Amino acid sequence: MDPRDTPGYRLHRALSSLSSIDADQLGPADRERISTATTLLEQVDVLTQPNTTADGDANEES
């Protein structure tokens, strides 16, 4: 399977693309859109990661 077909790769590429945009040349509304999109993608990235030890500890205590 091609690693470029994985969700993690696509998230990474989307974040890289947003990060490479020169926000200084954009208007305030576009900067806000870029910021919102970046934040949302970072949140999705965290949700798609395997459980960390902190999550594992929380699950064990339940």
N, C-alpha and C. Protein backbone atom coordinates (compact mmCIF):
# COMPACT_ATOMS: atom_id res chain seq x y z
N MET A 1 0.84 -1.18 0.00
CA MET A 1 0.00 0.00 0.00
C MET A 1 0.88 1.24 0.00
N ASP A 2 0.52 2.18 -0.79
CA ASP A 2 1.27 3.43 -0.90
C ASP A 2 1.07 4.26 0.37
N PRO A 3 2.15 4.66 1.06
CA PRO A 3 2.01 5.43 2.30
C PRO A 3 1.33 6.78 2.09
N ARG A 4 1.32 7.26 0.86
CA ARG A 4 0.65 8.54 0.59
C ARG A 4 -0.86 8.41 0.64
N ASP A 5 -1.37 7.19 0.70
CA ASP A 5 -2.81 6.97 0.77
C ASP A 5 -3.33 6.90 2.20
N THR A 6 -2.47 7.14 3.17
CA THR A 6 -2.89 7.05 4.56
C THR A 6 -3.43 8.39 5.04
N PRO A 7 -4.40 8.38 5.96
CA PRO A 7 -4.94 9.64 6.48
C PRO A 7 -3.88 10.52 7.13
N GLY A 8 -2.93 9.93 7.84
CA GLY A 8 -1.89 10.72 8.49
C GLY A 8 -1.05 11.50 7.50
N TYR A 9 -0.76 10.88 6.37
CA TYR A 9 0.03 11.55 5.34
C TYR A 9 -0.76 12.74 4.78
N ARG A 10 -2.02 12.51 4.53
CA ARG A 10 -2.85 13.59 3.96
C ARG A 10 -2.99 14.75 4.93
N LEU A 11 -3.14 14.46 6.22
CA LEU A 11 -3.20 15.52 7.22
C LEU A 11 -1.89 16.30 7.25
N HIS A 12 -0.78 15.56 7.21
CA HIS A 12 0.53 16.21 7.22
C HIS A 12 0.69 17.13 6.01
N ARG A 13 0.29 16.65 4.83
CA ARG A 13 0.40 17.46 3.62
C ARG A 13 -0.48 18.70 3.69
N ALA A 14 -1.70 18.55 4.22
CA ALA A 14 -2.59 19.71 4.35
C ALA A 14 -2.00 20.74 5.31
N LEU A 15 -1.48 20.27 6.44
CA LEU A 15 -0.86 21.19 7.40
C LEU A 15 0.37 21.87 6.81
N SER A 16 1.16 21.11 6.07
CA SER A 16 2.35 21.69 5.43
C SER A 16 1.96 22.76 4.42
N SER A 17 0.93 22.47 3.66
CA SER A 17 0.47 23.44 2.65
C SER A 17 -0.03 24.72 3.31
N LEU A 18 -0.79 24.58 4.38
CA LEU A 18 -1.28 25.77 5.08
C LEU A 18 -0.13 26.54 5.72
N SER A 19 0.84 25.84 6.24
CA SER A 19 1.98 26.49 6.89
C SER A 19 2.85 27.25 5.90
N SER A 20 2.86 26.81 4.66
CA SER A 20 3.72 27.45 3.67
C SER A 20 3.11 28.71 3.07
N ILE A 21 1.87 29.00 3.38
CA ILE A 21 1.23 30.20 2.85
C ILE A 21 1.78 31.43 3.57
N ASP A 22 2.13 32.45 2.80
CA ASP A 22 2.64 33.69 3.37
C ASP A 22 1.46 34.53 3.84
N ALA A 23 1.15 34.45 5.13
CA ALA A 23 -0.02 35.12 5.69
C ALA A 23 0.10 36.64 5.66
N ASP A 24 1.32 37.16 5.54
CA ASP A 24 1.50 38.61 5.50
C ASP A 24 0.86 39.23 4.26
N GLN A 25 0.71 38.44 3.22
CA GLN A 25 0.13 38.95 1.98
C GLN A 25 -1.39 38.77 1.92
N LEU A 26 -1.96 38.21 2.98
CA LEU A 26 -3.40 37.96 3.01
C LEU A 26 -4.11 39.00 3.85
N GLY A 27 -5.40 39.13 3.60
CA GLY A 27 -6.22 40.02 4.40
C GLY A 27 -6.57 39.36 5.73
N PRO A 28 -7.13 40.15 6.64
CA PRO A 28 -7.46 39.61 7.97
C PRO A 28 -8.42 38.42 7.91
N ALA A 29 -9.41 38.45 7.05
CA ALA A 29 -10.38 37.36 6.96
C ALA A 29 -9.69 36.07 6.48
N ASP A 30 -8.80 36.19 5.51
CA ASP A 30 -8.10 35.01 5.01
C ASP A 30 -7.12 34.46 6.04
N ARG A 31 -6.47 35.35 6.78
CA ARG A 31 -5.57 34.89 7.86
C ARG A 31 -6.35 34.12 8.91
N GLU A 32 -7.55 34.59 9.23
CA GLU A 32 -8.40 33.91 10.21
C GLU A 32 -8.82 32.54 9.68
N ARG A 33 -9.13 32.45 8.40
CA ARG A 33 -9.50 31.16 7.81
C ARG A 33 -8.34 30.17 7.86
N ILE A 34 -7.15 30.65 7.55
CA ILE A 34 -5.96 29.79 7.60
C ILE A 34 -5.72 29.31 9.03
N SER A 35 -5.85 30.21 9.98
CA SER A 35 -5.65 29.87 11.38
C SER A 35 -6.68 28.83 11.84
N THR A 36 -7.93 29.04 11.48
CA THR A 36 -8.98 28.10 11.86
C THR A 36 -8.75 26.73 11.23
N ALA A 37 -8.41 26.71 9.95
CA ALA A 37 -8.17 25.44 9.26
C ALA A 37 -6.99 24.70 9.89
N THR A 38 -5.93 25.42 10.22
CA THR A 38 -4.76 24.80 10.83
C THR A 38 -5.12 24.21 12.19
N THR A 39 -5.85 24.95 12.98
CA THR A 39 -6.26 24.47 14.30
C THR A 39 -7.11 23.21 14.18
N LEU A 40 -8.07 23.21 13.27
CA LEU A 40 -8.94 22.05 13.08
C LEU A 40 -8.14 20.83 12.62
N LEU A 41 -7.23 21.01 11.69
CA LEU A 41 -6.42 19.90 11.23
C LEU A 41 -5.53 19.35 12.33
N GLU A 42 -4.99 20.23 13.17
CA GLU A 42 -4.16 19.77 14.29
C GLU A 42 -5.00 18.97 15.28
N GLN A 43 -6.24 19.39 15.51
CA GLN A 43 -7.12 18.65 16.41
C GLN A 43 -7.45 17.27 15.84
N VAL A 44 -7.71 17.21 14.55
CA VAL A 44 -8.00 15.93 13.91
C VAL A 44 -6.76 15.03 13.98
N ASP A 45 -5.60 15.61 13.78
CA ASP A 45 -4.36 14.84 13.84
C ASP A 45 -4.19 14.20 15.22
N VAL A 46 -4.48 14.95 16.26
CA VAL A 46 -4.38 14.42 17.63
C VAL A 46 -5.38 13.28 17.81
N LEU A 47 -6.57 13.43 17.28
CA LEU A 47 -7.61 12.41 17.44
C LEU A 47 -7.28 11.13 16.68
N THR A 48 -6.50 11.24 15.61
CA THR A 48 -6.19 10.05 14.81
C THR A 48 -4.93 9.34 15.27
N GLN A 49 -4.21 9.93 16.24
CA GLN A 49 -3.00 9.30 16.76
C GLN A 49 -3.37 8.13 17.65
N PRO A 50 -2.51 7.12 17.71
CA PRO A 50 -2.74 6.01 18.65
C PRO A 50 -2.78 6.54 20.08
N ASN A 51 -3.42 5.80 20.97
CA ASN A 51 -3.51 6.22 22.37
C ASN A 51 -2.13 6.47 22.95
N THR A 52 -2.03 7.57 23.69
CA THR A 52 -0.79 7.88 24.39
C THR A 52 -0.87 7.30 25.79
N THR A 53 0.21 7.39 26.54
CA THR A 53 0.20 6.84 27.90
C THR A 53 -0.80 7.59 28.77
N ALA A 54 -0.98 8.88 28.54
CA ALA A 54 -1.94 9.65 29.34
C ALA A 54 -3.36 9.12 29.11
N ASP A 55 -3.70 8.86 27.86
CA ASP A 55 -5.02 8.30 27.56
C ASP A 55 -5.15 6.90 28.15
N GLY A 56 -4.09 6.13 28.06
CA GLY A 56 -4.12 4.78 28.60
C GLY A 56 -4.32 4.79 30.10
N ASP A 57 -3.66 5.73 30.78
CA ASP A 57 -3.84 5.84 32.23
C ASP A 57 -5.26 6.21 32.58
N ALA A 58 -5.85 7.12 31.80
CA ALA A 58 -7.22 7.54 32.06
C ALA A 58 -8.18 6.38 31.86
N ASN A 59 -7.94 5.57 30.85
CA ASN A 59 -8.80 4.43 30.59
C ASN A 59 -8.68 3.35 31.66
N GLU A 60 -7.48 3.20 32.22
CA GLU A 60 -7.26 2.20 33.24
C GLU A 60 -7.97 2.57 34.54
N GLU A 61 -8.06 3.88 34.81
CA GLU A 61 -8.68 4.33 36.05
C GLU A 61 -10.19 4.19 36.02
N SER A 62 -10.78 4.15 34.84
CA SER A 62 -12.24 4.09 34.72
C SER A 62 -12.79 2.79 35.22
